[in-house]
Protein backbone atom coordinates (compact mmCIF):
# COMPACT_ATOMS: atom_id res chain seq x y z
CA MET A 1 15.75 -7.95 7.05
CA ARG A 2 15.69 -7.90 3.36
CA VAL A 3 14.47 -4.96 1.24
CA PHE A 4 13.80 -5.77 -2.32
CA ALA A 5 14.45 -3.66 -5.38
CA ALA A 6 11.80 -1.10 -6.32
CA CYS A 7 9.01 -2.52 -8.59
CA CYS A 8 6.27 0.30 -8.25
CA PRO A 9 5.77 2.18 -11.46
CA ALA A 10 5.42 5.50 -9.71
CA CYS A 11 8.67 5.14 -7.44
CA ARG A 12 11.37 3.50 -9.21
CA GLU A 13 14.00 4.27 -6.10
CA VAL A 14 13.56 4.59 -2.42
CA ALA A 15 14.85 7.36 -0.16
CA ALA A 16 17.98 6.61 1.46
CA ARG A 17 17.44 8.91 4.70
CA PRO A 18 16.69 6.91 7.66
CA ALA A 19 12.94 7.06 8.60
CA THR A 20 11.86 8.61 11.98
CA ARG A 21 8.82 6.43 12.34
CA CYS A 22 7.71 2.73 12.33
CA ASP A 23 11.27 1.70 12.97
CA ALA A 24 12.00 1.65 9.28
CA PRO A 25 15.38 0.12 8.40
CA ARG A 26 18.19 1.63 6.40
CA LEU A 27 18.65 0.34 2.76
CA PRO A 28 21.78 -1.85 1.97
CA ARG A 29 24.57 0.32 0.67
CA ARG A 30 23.72 -0.41 -3.10
CA GLY A 31 20.15 0.67 -2.25
CA MET A 32 21.42 3.81 -0.41
CA LEU A 33 23.58 4.85 -3.33
CA ALA A 34 20.77 4.50 -5.94
CA GLY A 35 18.46 6.41 -3.59
CA ALA A 36 20.91 9.32 -3.09
CA LEU A 37 21.28 9.51 -6.89
CA ALA A 38 17.59 9.62 -7.22
CA LEU A 39 17.31 12.36 -4.48
CA ALA A 40 19.79 14.55 -6.26
CA ALA A 41 17.68 14.58 -9.12
CA ALA A 42 14.25 15.22 -7.54
CA PRO A 43 13.03 15.36 -3.94
CA PHE A 44 9.95 13.66 -4.54
CA ALA A 45 8.77 10.53 -6.24
CA PRO A 46 7.15 11.30 -9.53
CA ALA A 47 3.33 11.09 -9.64
CA ALA A 48 1.75 8.02 -11.42
CA ALA A 49 -1.08 8.36 -13.82
CA THR A 50 -4.19 9.12 -11.56
CA PRO A 51 -7.45 7.47 -12.51
CA ALA A 52 -10.42 9.98 -13.04
CA ALA A 53 -12.37 8.48 -10.05
CA VAL A 54 -9.38 9.25 -7.75
CA ALA A 55 -8.90 12.73 -8.93
CA GLU A 56 -12.73 13.43 -8.84
CA VAL A 57 -13.07 12.18 -5.10
CA LEU A 58 -9.77 13.51 -3.76
CA GLY A 59 -9.30 16.62 -5.74
CA SER A 60 -5.94 18.36 -6.13
CA GLY A 61 -5.26 18.86 -2.31
CA PRO A 62 -3.01 16.80 -0.01
CA ARG A 63 -3.80 13.11 0.37
CA ARG A 64 -3.59 11.36 3.56
CA ILE A 65 -3.41 8.15 4.84
CA ALA A 66 -3.86 6.41 8.28
CA ILE A 67 -2.77 2.67 8.76
CA ARG A 68 -2.53 0.34 11.66
CA ARG A 69 -0.74 -2.84 11.11
CA VAL A 70 -2.59 -5.77 12.89
CA GLN A 71 0.23 -8.00 13.41
CA THR A 72 2.80 -5.67 14.79
CA GLY A 73 0.62 -2.87 16.32
CA GLU A 74 2.47 -0.35 14.43
CA SER A 75 0.61 2.83 13.20
CA LEU A 76 1.24 5.63 10.64
CA SER A 77 -0.57 8.57 9.64
CA GLY A 78 0.46 11.25 7.31
CA ILE A 79 0.03 13.09 4.00
CA TYR A 80 1.59 10.88 1.31
CA TRP A 81 0.82 13.03 -1.85
CA ARG A 82 0.80 16.85 -2.25
CA ASP A 83 1.37 19.49 -4.84
CA GLY A 84 0.99 16.71 -7.52
CA ARG A 85 3.65 14.46 -6.31
CA TYR A 86 3.94 11.43 -3.65
CA ASP A 87 6.25 12.18 -0.61
CA ARG A 88 9.10 9.88 -0.97
CA GLU A 89 10.03 9.77 2.65
CA LEU A 90 6.45 8.84 3.71
CA LEU A 91 6.25 6.25 1.19
CA ARG A 92 9.30 4.83 2.61
CA GLN A 93 7.93 4.59 5.78
CA LEU A 94 4.56 2.91 4.61
CA ASP A 95 6.79 0.30 2.83
CA TRP A 96 8.16 -0.67 6.13
CA LEU A 97 4.69 -0.77 7.83
CA MET A 98 3.38 -2.91 5.05
CA ARG A 99 6.19 -5.43 5.17
CA ASP A 100 6.05 -9.05 5.32
CA PRO A 101 6.28 -9.50 9.21
CA SER A 102 6.92 -13.16 9.18
CA LEU A 103 10.21 -12.45 7.35
CA GLY A 104 10.96 -8.74 8.08
CA GLU A 105 11.02 -8.31 4.35
CA ALA A 106 9.92 -5.22 2.56
CA THR A 107 9.47 -4.01 -0.84
CA PRO A 108 8.49 -0.42 -2.30
CA MET A 109 4.61 -0.51 -2.39
CA ASP A 110 2.73 0.98 -5.30
CA PRO A 111 1.47 4.22 -4.09
CA ARG A 112 -1.59 3.84 -6.37
CA LEU A 113 -2.76 1.33 -3.69
CA PHE A 114 -2.86 4.12 -1.11
CA ASP A 115 -4.93 6.18 -3.80
CA VAL A 116 -7.46 3.37 -4.02
CA MET A 117 -7.68 3.10 -0.05
CA ALA A 118 -7.83 6.84 0.22
CA THR A 119 -10.55 7.32 -2.24
CA VAL A 120 -12.74 4.38 -0.86
CA GLN A 121 -12.49 5.85 2.51
CA LYS A 122 -13.43 9.32 1.48
CA VAL A 123 -16.53 7.99 -0.41
CA LEU A 124 -17.26 5.99 2.87
CA GLY A 125 -16.88 9.32 5.08
CA SER A 126 -14.66 7.53 7.40
CA GLU A 127 -11.77 9.03 9.32
CA GLU A 128 -10.68 5.84 11.08
CA ALA A 129 -7.21 4.30 10.28
CA TRP A 130 -7.22 1.24 7.95
CA HIS A 131 -6.29 -2.13 9.74
CA VAL A 132 -4.06 -3.82 7.41
CA ILE A 133 -3.86 -7.58 7.92
CA SER A 134 -1.70 -8.30 4.84
CA GLY A 135 0.31 -5.83 2.70
CA TYR A 136 3.56 -7.01 0.96
CA ARG A 137 3.85 -10.73 0.83
CA ALA A 138 7.09 -12.53 0.16
CA PRO A 139 7.06 -15.27 -2.42
CA GLU A 140 7.71 -17.77 0.23
CA THR A 141 4.96 -16.46 2.44
CA ASN A 142 2.46 -16.29 -0.53
CA ALA A 143 3.37 -20.04 -1.66
CA LEU A 144 2.69 -21.29 1.74
CA ARG A 145 -0.53 -19.58 1.89
CA ALA A 146 -1.51 -20.88 -1.56
CA ARG A 147 -0.90 -24.34 -0.32
CA GLN A 148 -2.98 -23.93 2.88
CA SER A 149 -5.88 -22.29 0.95
CA ARG A 150 -7.26 -22.19 -2.58
CA ARG A 151 -8.46 -18.54 -2.24
CA VAL A 152 -4.87 -17.46 -2.04
CA SER A 153 -3.40 -16.84 -5.73
CA ARG A 154 -0.05 -18.07 -6.61
CA VAL A 155 0.62 -15.13 -8.67
CA SER A 156 -0.88 -12.51 -6.11
CA LEU A 157 -0.47 -8.88 -6.57
CA HIS A 158 0.63 -8.88 -2.73
CA MET A 159 4.05 -10.09 -4.06
CA SER A 160 4.31 -6.84 -6.14
CA GLY A 161 3.45 -4.53 -3.34
CA MET A 162 0.27 -3.62 -5.03
CA ALA A 163 -2.49 -5.24 -2.78
CA ALA A 164 -3.72 -5.24 0.95
CA ASP A 165 -6.15 -7.17 2.89
CA VAL A 166 -7.82 -4.48 5.16
CA MET A 167 -10.58 -3.73 7.37
CA LEU A 168 -12.06 -0.36 8.36
CA PRO A 169 -13.56 0.10 11.96
CA GLY A 170 -17.12 1.26 11.84
CA GLN A 171 -17.68 -0.23 8.27
CA SER A 172 -18.73 -3.60 7.11
CA SER A 173 -16.68 -5.75 4.78
CA LEU A 174 -19.62 -5.79 2.26
CA GLY A 175 -20.31 -2.12 2.37
CA ILE A 176 -16.56 -1.36 1.81
CA ALA A 177 -16.46 -3.80 -1.05
CA ARG A 178 -19.59 -2.51 -2.90
CA ILE A 179 -17.97 0.93 -2.81
CA ALA A 180 -14.70 -0.31 -3.91
CA ALA A 181 -16.09 -2.20 -6.79
CA GLU A 182 -18.28 0.73 -7.96
CA LEU A 183 -15.35 3.00 -8.08
CA GLN A 184 -13.60 0.35 -10.59
CA LEU A 185 -10.01 1.29 -9.39
CA GLY A 186 -8.63 -2.14 -9.23
CA GLY A 187 -9.33 -5.56 -7.64
CA VAL A 188 -11.68 -6.03 -4.84
CA GLY A 189 -12.21 -9.26 -3.03
CA LEU A 190 -14.91 -9.85 -0.33
CA TYR A 191 -13.89 -12.26 2.53
CA ARG A 192 -16.99 -11.74 4.40
CA ARG A 193 -16.69 -14.61 6.71
CA ASP A 194 -13.24 -13.33 7.75
CA GLY A 195 -14.46 -9.75 8.13
CA PHE A 196 -11.85 -8.17 5.49
CA ILE A 197 -11.59 -7.17 2.00
CA HIS A 198 -8.74 -7.28 -0.59
CA LEU A 199 -7.80 -4.19 -2.39
CA ASP A 200 -5.39 -3.67 -4.94
CA CYS A 201 -4.48 -1.37 -7.98
CA GLY A 202 -4.22 -3.86 -10.76
CA PRO A 203 -7.09 -4.22 -13.29
CA ALA A 204 -10.53 -3.78 -12.05
CA ARG A 205 -12.25 -6.99 -11.10
CA ARG A 206 -14.09 -8.44 -8.20
CA TRP A 207 -14.69 -11.87 -6.44
């Protein structure tokens, strides 16, 4: 198992406490020391800049996310944002849930991705758990998929922990894509034949 250094702009360090859900691993010693120093300064990850659409739809109350990982069958549900800040411990558990399962490799996910998912779900009026097909994608995994399909970008935001390929039970992929595109919160890719959509917290665009 490998845990890469933090790359998300909203959470530069990862908590060192062992997770109680999703069988998340401990960080390497160097990561534990960095996390301990960060925790001494603040118990929560700082909030990233919130797009107006997120604030308008989700309001100032707690933000909840529920995810089921298709490949592993693991599930996680909880409040990842409250009182204006992201919950560091739940984010760490989400990092592991969203890992590259083929290599057992995780990276800190950009929490703005969960804001995108939560906002789209709120507008759709769904309370189902997101089914995640692909979250973080290691460079080796992404390169392999790019060789297999032209639809996979060689500079995919999956490698930065900023994207996920998802399905939402009871909702069509086309319907989800339309709502996500209208919200203009990031990238939206419709893979209608495969029944899933790509969501990311990068620049607003669609394909």
